[in-house]
Amino acid sequence: MMTDLHFLTIAQASALIRARKLSPVDLTTACLARTRMLDHKLNSHLLVLDEQALADARRAEADIAAGNWNGPLHGIPIGLKDIFNTAGIRTTAHSALMQDHVPAEDAFTVSLLRTAGAIITGKL
């Protein structure tokens, strides 16, 4: 297994996850570590969701192991632009006017990503 998991394409990672040669937990852990390593230089993330992302990755791994494959995004970690409402997670759209906005429900796009099994690692 390659050590630089963050360099895999979505198609490569998805194929490895589906074949159970790559764990969604390992991929998510690697991507979160990469984010933490570089974000102080890039300042790309408003919020990193370590605990939630790892819980979602464990759930995806269990689902896939049980034979419940949701498609090519299942188990794939992604970051969301902060313009998309995410239930229970602060969504500011980079505006001081919305600094305390915590939506009650996901934007339609986010709900589709979650249904597909994507793992939300943070807000960009």
PDB file of N, CA and C in Angstrom:
ATOM      1  N   MET A   1       0.853  -1.177   0.000  1.00  0.00           N
ATOM      2  CA  MET A   1       0.000   0.000   0.000  1.00  0.00           C
ATOM      3  C   MET A   1       0.894   1.235   0.000  1.00  0.00           C
ATOM      4  N   MET A   2       0.541   2.203  -0.799  1.00  0.00           N
ATOM      5  CA  MET A   2       1.329   3.422  -0.826  1.00  0.00           C
ATOM      6  C   MET A   2       1.119   4.215   0.460  1.00  0.00           C
ATOM      7  N   THR A   3       2.135   4.962   0.862  1.00  0.00           N
ATOM      8  CA  THR A   3       2.038   5.706   2.112  1.00  0.00           C
ATOM      9  C   THR A   3       1.424   7.084   1.916  1.00  0.00           C
ATOM     10  N   ASP A   4       1.502   7.628   0.727  1.00  0.00           N
ATOM     11  CA  ASP A   4       0.961   8.956   0.453  1.00  0.00           C
ATOM     12  C   ASP A   4      -0.462   8.839  -0.083  1.00  0.00           C
ATOM     13  N   LEU A   5      -1.367   8.438   0.785  1.00  0.00           N
ATOM     14  CA  LEU A   5      -2.750   8.196   0.371  1.00  0.00           C
ATOM     15  C   LEU A   5      -3.429   9.449  -0.162  1.00  0.00           C
ATOM     16  N   HIS A   6      -2.996  10.617   0.295  1.00  0.00           N
ATOM     17  CA  HIS A   6      -3.620  11.865  -0.148  1.00  0.00           C
ATOM     18  C   HIS A   6      -3.358  12.152  -1.630  1.00  0.00           C
ATOM     19  N   PHE A   7      -2.437  11.431  -2.256  1.00  0.00           N
ATOM     20  CA  PHE A   7      -2.180  11.625  -3.684  1.00  0.00           C
ATOM     21  C   PHE A   7      -3.062  10.754  -4.579  1.00  0.00           C
ATOM     22  N   LEU A   8      -3.824   9.839  -3.997  1.00  0.00           N
ATOM     23  CA  LEU A   8      -4.719   9.004  -4.807  1.00  0.00           C
ATOM     24  C   LEU A   8      -5.818   9.855  -5.427  1.00  0.00           C
ATOM     25  N   THR A   9      -6.209   9.509  -6.648  1.00  0.00           N
ATOM     26  CA  THR A   9      -7.387  10.146  -7.228  1.00  0.00           C
ATOM     27  C   THR A   9      -8.626   9.550  -6.562  1.00  0.00           C
ATOM     28  N   ILE A  10      -9.761  10.196  -6.745  1.00  0.00           N
ATOM     29  CA  ILE A  10     -11.003   9.641  -6.198  1.00  0.00           C
ATOM     30  C   ILE A  10     -11.270   8.271  -6.805  1.00  0.00           C
ATOM     31  N   ALA A  11     -11.048   8.131  -8.104  1.00  0.00           N
ATOM     32  CA  ALA A  11     -11.292   6.844  -8.767  1.00  0.00           C
ATOM     33  C   ALA A  11     -10.387   5.752  -8.193  1.00  0.00           C
ATOM     34  N   GLN A  12      -9.108   6.065  -7.984  1.00  0.00           N
ATOM     35  CA  GLN A  12      -8.180   5.081  -7.419  1.00  0.00           C
ATOM     36  C   GLN A  12      -8.575   4.701  -5.994  1.00  0.00           C
ATOM     37  N   ALA A  13      -8.838   5.709  -5.180  1.00  0.00           N
ATOM     38  CA  ALA A  13      -9.212   5.445  -3.786  1.00  0.00           C
ATOM     39  C   ALA A  13     -10.513   4.661  -3.714  1.00  0.00           C
ATOM     40  N   SER A  14     -11.470   5.026  -4.535  1.00  0.00           N
ATOM     41  CA  SER A  14     -12.761   4.343  -4.539  1.00  0.00           C
ATOM     42  C   SER A  14     -12.611   2.871  -4.900  1.00  0.00           C
ATOM     43  N   ALA A  15     -11.814   2.591  -5.920  1.00  0.00           N
ATOM     44  CA  ALA A  15     -11.595   1.197  -6.334  1.00  0.00           C
ATOM     45  C   ALA A  15     -10.922   0.399  -5.219  1.00  0.00           C
ATOM     46  N   LEU A  16      -9.947   1.000  -4.549  1.00  0.00           N
ATOM     47  CA  LEU A  16      -9.260   0.318  -3.451  1.00  0.00           C
ATOM     48  C   LEU A  16     -10.194   0.094  -2.259  1.00  0.00           C
ATOM     49  N   ILE A  17     -11.022   1.075  -1.968  1.00  0.00           N
ATOM     50  CA  ILE A  17     -11.984   0.932  -0.867  1.00  0.00           C
ATOM     51  C   ILE A  17     -12.996  -0.156  -1.187  1.00  0.00           C
ATOM     52  N   ARG A  18     -13.510  -0.137  -2.393  1.00  0.00           N
ATOM     53  CA  ARG A  18     -14.513  -1.144  -2.772  1.00  0.00           C
ATOM     54  C   ARG A  18     -13.926  -2.553  -2.713  1.00  0.00           C
ATOM     55  N   ALA A  19     -12.659  -2.687  -3.106  1.00  0.00           N
ATOM     56  CA  ALA A  19     -11.979  -3.994  -3.072  1.00  0.00           C
ATOM     57  C   ALA A  19     -11.489  -4.344  -1.663  1.00  0.00           C
ATOM     58  N   ARG A  20     -11.727  -3.454  -0.722  1.00  0.00           N
ATOM     59  CA  ARG A  20     -11.308  -3.616   0.676  1.00  0.00           C
ATOM     60  C   ARG A  20      -9.785  -3.717   0.823  1.00  0.00           C
ATOM     61  N   LYS A  21      -9.083  -3.019  -0.066  1.00  0.00           N
ATOM     62  CA  LYS A  21      -7.626  -2.925   0.028  1.00  0.00           C
ATOM     63  C   LYS A  21      -7.209  -1.620   0.701  1.00  0.00           C
ATOM     64  N   LEU A  22      -8.171  -0.738   0.902  1.00  0.00           N
ATOM     65  CA  LEU A  22      -7.933   0.544   1.567  1.00  0.00           C
ATOM     66  C   LEU A  22      -9.109   0.809   2.494  1.00  0.00           C
ATOM     67  N   SER A  23      -8.795   1.169   3.688  1.00  0.00           N
ATOM     68  CA  SER A  23      -9.812   1.480   4.688  1.00  0.00           C
ATOM     69  C   SER A  23     -10.221   2.951   4.587  1.00  0.00           C
ATOM     70  N   PRO A  24     -11.520   3.254   4.602  1.00  0.00           N
ATOM     71  CA  PRO A  24     -11.941   4.654   4.662  1.00  0.00           C
ATOM     72  C   PRO A  24     -11.371   5.378   5.884  1.00  0.00           C
ATOM     73  N   VAL A  25     -11.184   4.649   6.973  1.00  0.00           N
ATOM     74  CA  VAL A  25     -10.605   5.250   8.180  1.00  0.00           C
ATOM     75  C   VAL A  25      -9.153   5.642   7.925  1.00  0.00           C
ATOM     76  N   ASP A  26      -8.382   4.766   7.283  1.00  0.00           N
ATOM     77  CA  ASP A  26      -6.982   5.080   6.980  1.00  0.00           C
ATOM     78  C   ASP A  26      -6.875   6.258   6.012  1.00  0.00           C
ATOM     79  N   LEU A  27      -7.728   6.264   4.990  1.00  0.00           N
ATOM     80  CA  LEU A  27      -7.700   7.358   4.015  1.00  0.00           C
ATOM     81  C   LEU A  27      -8.088   8.675   4.673  1.00  0.00           C
ATOM     82  N   THR A  28      -9.133   8.657   5.466  1.00  0.00           N
ATOM     83  CA  THR A  28      -9.577   9.874   6.149  1.00  0.00           C
ATOM     84  C   THR A  28      -8.521  10.361   7.127  1.00  0.00           C
ATOM     85  N   THR A  29      -7.925   9.450   7.867  1.00  0.00           N
ATOM     86  CA  THR A  29      -6.856   9.810   8.807  1.00  0.00           C
ATOM     87  C   THR A  29      -5.693  10.463   8.073  1.00  0.00           C
ATOM     88  N   ALA A  30      -5.306   9.897   6.934  1.00  0.00           N
ATOM     89  CA  ALA A  30      -4.204  10.456   6.142  1.00  0.00           C
ATOM     90  C   ALA A  30      -4.550  11.847   5.618  1.00  0.00           C
ATOM     91  N   CYS A  31      -5.772  12.021   5.145  1.00  0.00           N
ATOM     92  CA  CYS A  31      -6.179  13.328   4.611  1.00  0.00           C
ATOM     93  C   CYS A  31      -6.273  14.378   5.716  1.00  0.00           C
ATOM     94  N   LEU A  32      -6.788  13.987   6.873  1.00  0.00           N
ATOM     95  CA  LEU A  32      -6.846  14.919   8.006  1.00  0.00           C
ATOM     96  C   LEU A  32      -5.440  15.306   8.464  1.00  0.00           C
ATOM     97  N   ALA A  33      -4.528  14.350   8.492  1.00  0.00           N
ATOM     98  CA  ALA A  33      -3.146  14.639   8.884  1.00  0.00           C
ATOM     99  C   ALA A  33      -2.501  15.598   7.892  1.00  0.00           C
ATOM    100  N   ARG A  34      -2.757  15.381   6.617  1.00  0.00           N
ATOM    101  CA  ARG A  34      -2.214  16.267   5.574  1.00  0.00           C
ATOM    102  C   ARG A  34      -2.781  17.679   5.725  1.00  0.00           C
ATOM    103  N   THR A  35      -4.065  17.760   6.010  1.00  0.00           N
ATOM    104  CA  THR A  35      -4.702  19.060   6.237  1.00  0.00           C
ATOM    105  C   THR A  35      -4.043  19.766   7.409  1.00  0.00           C
ATOM    106  N   ARG A  36      -3.880  19.071   8.512  1.00  0.00           N
ATOM    107  CA  ARG A  36      -3.267  19.665   9.708  1.00  0.00           C
ATOM    108  C   ARG A  36      -1.819  20.094   9.434  1.00  0.00           C
ATOM    109  N   MET A  37      -1.117  19.317   8.618  1.00  0.00           N
ATOM    110  CA  MET A  37       0.279  19.618   8.325  1.00  0.00           C
ATOM    111  C   MET A  37       0.421  20.894   7.483  1.00  0.00           C
ATOM    112  N   LEU A  38      -0.499  21.109   6.553  1.00  0.00           N
ATOM    113  CA  LEU A  38      -0.350  22.209   5.602  1.00  0.00           C
ATOM    114  C   LEU A  38      -1.237  23.422   5.862  1.00  0.00           C
ATOM    115  N   ASP A  39      -2.282  23.258   6.652  1.00  0.00           N
ATOM    116  CA  ASP A  39      -3.258  24.342   6.763  1.00  0.00           C
ATOM    117  C   ASP A  39      -2.689  25.608   7.388  1.00  0.00           C
ATOM    118  N   HIS A  40      -1.718  25.493   8.259  1.00  0.00           N
ATOM    119  CA  HIS A  40      -1.140  26.704   8.846  1.00  0.00           C
ATOM    120  C   HIS A  40      -0.418  27.552   7.790  1.00  0.00           C
ATOM    121  N   LYS A  41       0.007  26.911   6.699  1.00  0.00           N
ATOM    122  CA  LYS A  41       0.638  27.640   5.598  1.00  0.00           C
ATOM    123  C   LYS A  41      -0.387  28.085   4.559  1.00  0.00           C
ATOM    124  N   LEU A  42      -1.341  27.213   4.273  1.00  0.00           N
ATOM    125  CA  LEU A  42      -2.314  27.480   3.215  1.00  0.00           C
ATOM    126  C   LEU A  42      -3.532  28.259   3.699  1.00  0.00           C
ATOM    127  N   ASN A  43      -3.851  28.111   4.977  1.00  0.00           N
ATOM    128  CA  ASN A  43      -5.028  28.751   5.555  1.00  0.00           C
ATOM    129  C   ASN A  43      -6.279  28.457   4.719  1.00  0.00           C
ATOM    130  N   SER A  44      -6.438  27.206   4.349  1.00  0.00           N
ATOM    131  CA  SER A  44      -7.531  26.812   3.458  1.00  0.00           C
ATOM    132  C   SER A  44      -8.808  26.431   4.189  1.00  0.00           C
ATOM    133  N   HIS A  45      -8.696  26.014   5.430  1.00  0.00           N
ATOM    134  CA  HIS A  45      -9.862  25.514   6.164  1.00  0.00           C
ATOM    135  C   HIS A  45     -10.337  26.503   7.225  1.00  0.00           C
ATOM    136  N   LEU A  46     -11.644  26.700   7.269  1.00  0.00           N
ATOM    137  CA  LEU A  46     -12.252  27.438   8.370  1.00  0.00           C
ATOM    138  C   LEU A  46     -12.484  26.516   9.555  1.00  0.00           C
ATOM    139  N   LEU A  47     -12.723  25.247   9.243  1.00  0.00           N
ATOM    140  CA  LEU A  47     -13.071  24.270  10.262  1.00  0.00           C
ATOM    141  C   LEU A  47     -12.648  22.884   9.795  1.00  0.00           C
ATOM    142  N   VAL A  48     -11.986  22.135  10.665  1.00  0.00           N
ATOM    143  CA  VAL A  48     -11.635  20.744  10.380  1.00  0.00           C
ATOM    144  C   VAL A  48     -12.449  19.879  11.336  1.00  0.00           C
ATOM    145  N   LEU A  49     -13.130  18.892  10.786  1.00  0.00           N
ATOM    146  CA  LEU A  49     -14.069  18.063  11.546  1.00  0.00           C
ATOM    147  C   LEU A  49     -13.475  16.687  11.850  1.00  0.00           C
ATOM    148  N   ASP A  50     -12.378  16.653  12.583  1.00  0.00           N
ATOM    149  CA  ASP A  50     -11.664  15.402  12.846  1.00  0.00           C
ATOM    150  C   ASP A  50     -12.575  14.307  13.398  1.00  0.00           C
ATOM    151  N   GLU A  51     -13.210  14.565  14.526  1.00  0.00           N
ATOM    152  CA  GLU A  51     -13.994  13.528  15.200  1.00  0.00           C
ATOM    153  C   GLU A  51     -15.169  13.053  14.355  1.00  0.00           C
ATOM    154  N   GLN A  52     -15.901  14.004  13.790  1.00  0.00           N
ATOM    155  CA  GLN A  52     -17.051  13.638  12.961  1.00  0.00           C
ATOM    156  C   GLN A  52     -16.605  12.862  11.730  1.00  0.00           C
ATOM    157  N   ALA A  53     -15.530  13.317  11.094  1.00  0.00           N
ATOM    158  CA  ALA A  53     -15.041  12.642   9.889  1.00  0.00           C
ATOM    159  C   ALA A  53     -14.607  11.211  10.200  1.00  0.00           C
ATOM    160  N   LEU A  54     -13.902  11.024  11.295  1.00  0.00           N
ATOM    161  CA  LEU A  54     -13.455   9.671  11.647  1.00  0.00           C
ATOM    162  C   LEU A  54     -14.631   8.771  12.027  1.00  0.00           C
ATOM    163  N   ALA A  55     -15.629   9.322  12.693  1.00  0.00           N
ATOM    164  CA  ALA A  55     -16.834   8.536  13.010  1.00  0.00           C
ATOM    165  C   ALA A  55     -17.552   8.133  11.725  1.00  0.00           C
ATOM    166  N   ASP A  56     -17.660   9.076  10.781  1.00  0.00           N
ATOM    167  CA  ASP A  56     -18.297   8.773   9.495  1.00  0.00           C
ATOM    168  C   ASP A  56     -17.485   7.742   8.709  1.00  0.00           C
ATOM    169  N   ALA A  57     -16.157   7.830   8.796  1.00  0.00           N
ATOM    170  CA  ALA A  57     -15.292   6.863   8.104  1.00  0.00           C
ATOM    171  C   ALA A  57     -15.460   5.464   8.690  1.00  0.00           C
ATOM    172  N   ARG A  58     -15.562   5.368  10.009  1.00  0.00           N
ATOM    173  CA  ARG A  58     -15.791   4.061  10.640  1.00  0.00           C
ATOM    174  C   ARG A  58     -17.141   3.477  10.213  1.00  0.00           C
ATOM    175  N   ARG A  59     -18.150   4.345  10.132  1.00  0.00           N
ATOM    176  CA  ARG A  59     -19.473   3.901   9.690  1.00  0.00           C
ATOM    177  C   ARG A  59     -19.422   3.427   8.234  1.00  0.00           C
ATOM    178  N   ALA A  60     -18.727   4.167   7.379  1.00  0.00           N
ATOM    179  CA  ALA A  60     -18.592   3.773   5.971  1.00  0.00           C
ATOM    180  C   ALA A  60     -17.867   2.438   5.859  1.00  0.00           C
ATOM    181  N   GLU A  61     -16.820   2.272   6.639  1.00  0.00           N
ATOM    182  CA  GLU A  61     -16.060   1.024   6.608  1.00  0.00           C
ATOM    183  C   GLU A  61     -16.938  -0.162   7.020  1.00  0.00           C
ATOM    184  N   ALA A  62     -17.734   0.025   8.055  1.00  0.00           N
ATOM    185  CA  ALA A  62     -18.634  -1.048   8.510  1.00  0.00           C
ATOM    186  C   ALA A  62     -19.694  -1.358   7.455  1.00  0.00           C
ATOM    187  N   ASP A  63     -20.244  -0.312   6.836  1.00  0.00           N
ATOM    188  CA  ASP A  63     -21.255  -0.515   5.788  1.00  0.00           C
ATOM    189  C   ASP A  63     -20.674  -1.291   4.611  1.00  0.00           C
ATOM    190  N   ILE A  64     -19.491  -0.898   4.174  1.00  0.00           N
ATOM    191  CA  ILE A  64     -18.849  -1.555   3.033  1.00  0.00           C
ATOM    192  C   ILE A  64     -18.511  -3.001   3.380  1.00  0.00           C
ATOM    193  N   ALA A  65     -18.019  -3.236   4.584  1.00  0.00           N
ATOM    194  CA  ALA A  65     -17.701  -4.604   5.020  1.00  0.00           C
ATOM    195  C   ALA A  65     -18.950  -5.477   5.053  1.00  0.00           C
ATOM    196  N   ALA A  66     -20.105  -4.855   5.317  1.00  0.00           N
ATOM    197  CA  ALA A  66     -21.373  -5.591   5.356  1.00  0.00           C
ATOM    198  C   ALA A  66     -21.983  -5.763   3.963  1.00  0.00           C
ATOM    199  N   GLY A  67     -21.282  -5.265   2.936  1.00  0.00           N
ATOM    200  CA  GLY A  67     -21.766  -5.414   1.567  1.00  0.00           C
ATOM    201  C   GLY A  67     -22.675  -4.300   1.089  1.00  0.00           C
ATOM    202  N   ASN A  68     -22.750  -3.220   1.849  1.00  0.00           N
ATOM    203  CA  ASN A  68     -23.592  -2.077   1.469  1.00  0.00           C
ATOM    204  C   ASN A  68     -22.739  -0.992   0.819  1.00  0.00           C
ATOM    205  N   TRP A  69     -22.573  -1.093  -0.481  1.00  0.00           N
ATOM    206  CA  TRP A  69     -21.750  -0.159  -1.264  1.00  0.00           C
ATOM    207  C   TRP A  69     -22.662   0.907  -1.855  1.00  0.00           C
ATOM    208  N   ASN A  70     -22.391   2.182  -1.566  1.00  0.00           N
ATOM    209  CA  ASN A  70     -23.236   3.281  -2.043  1.00  0.00           C
ATOM    210  C   ASN A  70     -22.740   3.919  -3.329  1.00  0.00           C
ATOM    211  N   GLY A  71     -21.616   3.485  -3.849  1.00  0.00           N
ATOM    212  CA  GLY A  71     -21.098   4.062  -5.080  1.00  0.00           C
ATOM    213  C   GLY A  71     -19.715   4.655  -4.897  1.00  0.00           C
ATOM    214  N   PRO A  72     -19.203   5.318  -5.925  1.00  0.00           N
ATOM    215  CA  PRO A  72     -17.799   5.733  -5.954  1.00  0.00           C
ATOM    216  C   PRO A  72     -17.382   6.778  -4.916  1.00  0.00           C
ATOM    217  N   LEU A  73     -18.311   7.455  -4.276  1.00  0.00           N
ATOM    218  CA  LEU A  73     -17.933   8.415  -3.235  1.00  0.00           C
ATOM    219  C   LEU A  73     -17.973   7.812  -1.833  1.00  0.00           C
ATOM    220  N   HIS A  74     -18.399   6.563  -1.736  1.00  0.00           N
ATOM    221  CA  HIS A  74     -18.537   5.924  -0.425  1.00  0.00           C
ATOM    222  C   HIS A  74     -17.166   5.744   0.225  1.00  0.00           C
ATOM    223  N   GLY A  75     -16.973   6.412   1.356  1.00  0.00           N
ATOM    224  CA  GLY A  75     -15.704   6.335   2.077  1.00  0.00           C
ATOM    225  C   GLY A  75     -14.663   7.343   1.643  1.00  0.00           C
ATOM    226  N   ILE A  76     -15.029   8.243   0.738  1.00  0.00           N
ATOM    227  CA  ILE A  76     -14.084   9.237   0.220  1.00  0.00           C
ATOM    228  C   ILE A  76     -14.176  10.527   1.042  1.00  0.00           C
ATOM    229  N   PRO A  77     -13.062  10.983   1.624  1.00  0.00           N
ATOM    230  CA  PRO A  77     -13.077  12.240   2.379  1.00  0.00           C
ATOM    231  C   PRO A  77     -13.108  13.451   1.445  1.00  0.00           C
ATOM    232  N   ILE A  78     -13.938  14.430   1.808  1.00  0.00           N
ATOM    233  CA  ILE A  78     -14.044  15.656   1.015  1.00  0.00           C
ATOM    234  C   ILE A  78     -14.136  16.865   1.940  1.00  0.00           C
ATOM    235  N   GLY A  79     -13.706  17.999   1.439  1.00  0.00           N
ATOM    236  CA  GLY A  79     -13.915  19.268   2.128  1.00  0.00           C
ATOM    237  C   GLY A  79     -14.993  20.036   1.386  1.00  0.00           C
ATOM    238  N   LEU A  80     -15.814  20.758   2.132  1.00  0.00           N
ATOM    239  CA  LEU A  80     -16.900  21.524   1.526  1.00  0.00           C
ATOM    240  C   LEU A  80     -16.618  23.017   1.601  1.00  0.00           C
ATOM    241  N   LYS A  81     -16.927  23.716   0.537  1.00  0.00           N
ATOM    242  CA  LYS A  81     -16.884  25.169   0.556  1.00  0.00           C
ATOM    243  C   LYS A  81     -17.878  25.642   1.608  1.00  0.00           C
ATOM    244  N   ASP A  82     -17.550  26.677   2.325  1.00  0.00           N
ATOM    245  CA  ASP A  82     -18.375  27.133   3.441  1.00  0.00           C
ATOM    246  C   ASP A  82     -19.651  27.857   3.005  1.00  0.00           C
ATOM    247  N   ILE A  83     -20.022  27.721   1.762  1.00  0.00           N
ATOM    248  CA  ILE A  83     -21.291  28.286   1.294  1.00  0.00           C
ATOM    249  C   ILE A  83     -22.420  27.261   1.367  1.00  0.00           C
ATOM    250  N   PHE A  84     -22.074  25.999   1.631  1.00  0.00           N
ATOM    251  CA  PHE A  84     -23.076  24.931   1.687  1.00  0.00           C
ATOM    252  C   PHE A  84     -23.510  24.697   3.129  1.00  0.00           C
ATOM    253  N   ASN A  85     -24.802  24.834   3.390  1.00  0.00           N
ATOM    254  CA  ASN A  85     -25.318  24.547   4.725  1.00  0.00           C
ATOM    255  C   ASN A  85     -25.048  23.101   5.097  1.00  0.00           C
ATOM    256  N   THR A  86     -24.541  22.917   6.305  1.00  0.00           N
ATOM    257  CA  THR A  86     -24.308  21.582   6.850  1.00  0.00           C
ATOM    258  C   THR A  86     -24.970  21.548   8.221  1.00  0.00           C
ATOM    259  N   ALA A  87     -25.889  20.625   8.389  1.00  0.00           N
ATOM    260  CA  ALA A  87     -26.688  20.552   9.613  1.00  0.00           C
ATOM    261  C   ALA A  87     -25.812  20.487  10.857  1.00  0.00           C
ATOM    262  N   GLY A  88     -26.054  21.410  11.782  1.00  0.00           N
ATOM    263  CA  GLY A  88     -25.354  21.403  13.056  1.00  0.00           C
ATOM    264  C   GLY A  88     -23.929  21.904  13.020  1.00  0.00           C
ATOM    265  N   ILE A  89     -23.471  22.352  11.852  1.00  0.00           N
ATOM    266  CA  ILE A  89     -22.091  22.835  11.698  1.00  0.00           C
ATOM    267  C   ILE A  89     -22.138  24.277  11.204  1.00  0.00           C
ATOM    268  N   ARG A  90     -21.396  25.135  11.864  1.00  0.00           N
ATOM    269  CA  ARG A  90     -21.390  26.552  11.506  1.00  0.00           C
ATOM    270  C   ARG A  90     -21.101  26.726  10.016  1.00  0.00           C
ATOM    271  N   THR A  91     -21.938  27.530   9.368  1.00  0.00           N
ATOM    272  CA  THR A  91     -21.794  27.832   7.947  1.00  0.00           C
ATOM    273  C   THR A  91     -21.861  29.346   7.800  1.00  0.00           C
ATOM    274  N   THR A  92     -20.742  29.961   7.444  1.00  0.00           N
ATOM    275  CA  THR A  92     -20.660  31.424   7.439  1.00  0.00           C
ATOM    276  C   THR A  92     -20.665  32.056   6.055  1.00  0.00           C
ATOM    277  N   ALA A  93     -20.409  31.282   5.023  1.00  0.00           N
ATOM    278  CA  ALA A  93     -20.226  31.828   3.674  1.00  0.00           C
ATOM    279  C   ALA A  93     -19.147  32.917   3.686  1.00  0.00           C
ATOM    280  N   HIS A  94     -18.212  32.802   4.606  1.00  0.00           N
ATOM    281  CA  HIS A  94     -17.104  33.752   4.766  1.00  0.00           C
ATOM    282  C   HIS A  94     -17.594  35.170   5.044  1.00  0.00           C
ATOM    283  N   SER A  95     -18.712  35.290   5.723  1.00  0.00           N
ATOM    284  CA  SER A  95     -19.294  36.595   6.014  1.00  0.00           C
ATOM    285  C   SER A  95     -19.405  36.803   7.520  1.00  0.00           C
ATOM    286  N   ALA A  96     -18.993  37.979   7.983  1.00  0.00           N
ATOM    287  CA  ALA A  96     -19.138  38.310   9.401  1.00  0.00           C
ATOM    288  C   ALA A  96     -20.610  38.348   9.806  1.00  0.00           C
ATOM    289  N   LEU A  97     -21.483  38.650   8.866  1.00  0.00           N
ATOM    290  CA  LEU A  97     -22.920  38.690   9.154  1.00  0.00           C
ATOM    291  C   LEU A  97     -23.478  37.320   9.509  1.00  0.00           C
ATOM    292  N   MET A  98     -22.800  36.268   9.060  1.00  0.00           N
ATOM    293  CA  MET A  98     -23.293  34.911   9.298  1.00  0.00           C
ATOM    294  C   MET A  98     -22.386  34.123  10.245  1.00  0.00           C
ATOM    295  N   GLN A  99     -21.557  34.806  11.007  1.00  0.00           N
ATOM    296  CA  GLN A  99     -20.561  34.115  11.825  1.00  0.00           C
ATOM    297  C   GLN A  99     -21.151  33.149  12.848  1.00  0.00           C
ATOM    298  N   ASP A 100     -22.403  33.338  13.239  1.00  0.00           N
ATOM    299  CA  ASP A 100     -23.030  32.447  14.219  1.00  0.00           C
ATOM    300  C   ASP A 100     -24.100  31.552  13.605  1.00  0.00           C
ATOM    301  N   HIS A 101     -24.149  31.481  12.288  1.00  0.00           N
ATOM    302  CA  HIS A 101     -25.190  30.700  11.605  1.00  0.00           C
ATOM    303  C   HIS A 101     -24.876  29.203  11.674  1.00  0.00           C
ATOM    304  N   VAL A 102     -25.776  28.456  12.317  1.00  0.00           N
ATOM    305  CA  VAL A 102     -25.669  26.998  12.382  1.00  0.00           C
ATOM    306  C   VAL A 102     -26.980  26.445  11.826  1.00  0.00           C
ATOM    307  N   PRO A 103     -26.966  25.984  10.574  1.00  0.00           N
ATOM    308  CA  PRO A 103     -28.208  25.523   9.948  1.00  0.00           C
ATOM    309  C   PRO A 103     -28.746  24.239  10.584  1.00  0.00           C
ATOM    310  N   ALA A 104     -30.051  24.105  10.522  1.00  0.00           N
ATOM    311  CA  ALA A 104     -30.712  22.917  11.077  1.00  0.00           C
ATOM    312  C   ALA A 104     -30.672  21.741  10.114  1.00  0.00           C
ATOM    313  N   GLU A 105     -30.489  22.028   8.836  1.00  0.00           N
ATOM    314  CA  GLU A 105     -30.465  20.934   7.859  1.00  0.00           C
ATOM    315  C   GLU A 105     -29.402  21.176   6.806  1.00  0.00           C
ATOM    316  N   ASP A 106     -29.056  20.096   6.124  1.00  0.00           N
ATOM    317  CA  ASP A 106     -28.060  20.157   5.057  1.00  0.00           C
ATOM    318  C   ASP A 106     -28.628  20.802   3.804  1.00  0.00           C
ATOM    319  N   ALA A 107     -27.758  21.462   3.048  1.00  0.00           N
ATOM    320  CA  ALA A 107     -28.113  21.875   1.693  1.00  0.00           C
ATOM    321  C   ALA A 107     -28.357  20.606   0.875  1.00  0.00           C
ATOM    322  N   PHE A 108     -29.134  20.726  -0.181  1.00  0.00           N
ATOM    323  CA  PHE A 108     -29.468  19.562  -1.008  1.00  0.00           C
ATOM    324  C   PHE A 108     -28.200  18.856  -1.493  1.00  0.00           C
ATOM    325  N   THR A 109     -27.231  19.621  -1.938  1.00  0.00           N
ATOM    326  CA  THR A 109     -25.970  19.056  -2.420  1.00  0.00           C
ATOM    327  C   THR A 109     -25.273  18.249  -1.328  1.00  0.00           C
ATOM    328  N   VAL A 110     -25.250  18.779  -0.129  1.00  0.00           N
ATOM    329  CA  VAL A 110     -24.605  18.091   0.994  1.00  0.00           C
ATOM    330  C   VAL A 110     -25.351  16.804   1.326  1.00  0.00           C
ATOM    331  N   SER A 111     -26.676  16.856   1.288  1.00  0.00           N
ATOM    332  CA  SER A 111     -27.445  15.635   1.579  1.00  0.00           C
ATOM    333  C   SER A 111     -27.168  14.559   0.534  1.00  0.00           C
ATOM    334  N   LEU A 112     -26.985  14.951  -0.721  1.00  0.00           N
ATOM    335  CA  LEU A 112     -26.640  13.976  -1.763  1.00  0.00           C
ATOM    336  C   LEU A 112     -25.258  13.374  -1.513  1.00  0.00           C
ATOM    337  N   LEU A 113     -24.308  14.208  -1.132  1.00  0.00           N
ATOM    338  CA  LEU A 113     -22.960  13.715  -0.835  1.00  0.00           C
ATOM    339  C   LEU A 113     -22.973  12.751   0.349  1.00  0.00           C
ATOM    340  N   ARG A 114     -23.711  13.101   1.385  1.00  0.00           N
ATOM    341  CA  ARG A 114     -23.798  12.211   2.556  1.00  0.00           C
ATOM    342  C   ARG A 114     -24.456  10.881   2.182  1.00  0.00           C
ATOM    343  N   THR A 115     -25.539  10.946   1.397  1.00  0.00           N
ATOM    344  CA  THR A 115     -26.227   9.725   0.967  1.00  0.00           C
ATOM    345  C   THR A 115     -25.298   8.837   0.150  1.00  0.00           C
ATOM    346  N   ALA A 116     -24.420   9.462  -0.631  1.00  0.00           N
ATOM    347  CA  ALA A 116     -23.452   8.713  -1.437  1.00  0.00           C
ATOM    348  C   ALA A 116     -22.317   8.145  -0.586  1.00  0.00           C
ATOM    349  N   GLY A 117     -22.256   8.529   0.684  1.00  0.00           N
ATOM    350  CA  GLY A 117     -21.233   7.993   1.579  1.00  0.00           C
ATOM    351  C   GLY A 117     -19.967   8.813   1.679  1.00  0.00           C
ATOM    352  N   ALA A 118     -19.969  10.020   1.092  1.00  0.00           N
ATOM    353  CA  ALA A 118     -18.791  10.884   1.202  1.00  0.00           C
ATOM    354  C   ALA A 118     -18.587  11.287   2.662  1.00  0.00           C
ATOM    355  N   ILE A 119     -17.341  11.487   3.039  1.00  0.00           N
ATOM    356  CA  ILE A 119     -16.977  11.830   4.411  1.00  0.00           C
ATOM    357  C   ILE A 119     -16.541  13.289   4.440  1.00  0.00           C
ATOM    358  N   ILE A 120     -17.301  14.110   5.121  1.00  0.00           N
ATOM    359  CA  ILE A 120     -17.008  15.543   5.177  1.00  0.00           C
ATOM    360  C   ILE A 120     -15.939  15.781   6.242  1.00  0.00           C
ATOM    361  N   THR A 121     -14.788  16.283   5.786  1.00  0.00           N
ATOM    362  CA  THR A 121     -13.655  16.485   6.692  1.00  0.00           C
ATOM    363  C   THR A 121     -13.545  17.915   7.200  1.00  0.00           C
ATOM    364  N   GLY A 122     -14.220  18.853   6.541  1.00  0.00           N
ATOM    365  CA  GLY A 122     -14.121  20.230   7.002  1.00  0.00           C
ATOM    366  C   GLY A 122     -14.784  21.202   6.054  1.00  0.00           C
ATOM    367  N   LYS A 123     -14.675  22.470   6.449  1.00  0.00           N
ATOM    368  CA  LYS A 123     -15.243  23.566   5.665  1.00  0.00           C
ATOM    369  C   LYS A 123     -14.102  24.438   5.152  1.00  0.00           C
ATOM    370  N   LEU A 124     -14.154  24.745   3.860  1.00  0.00           N
ATOM    371  CA  LEU A 124     -13.121  25.554   3.203  1.00  0.00           C
ATOM    372  C   LEU A 124     -13.630  26.960   2.974  1.00  0.00           C
TER     373      LEU A 124
END
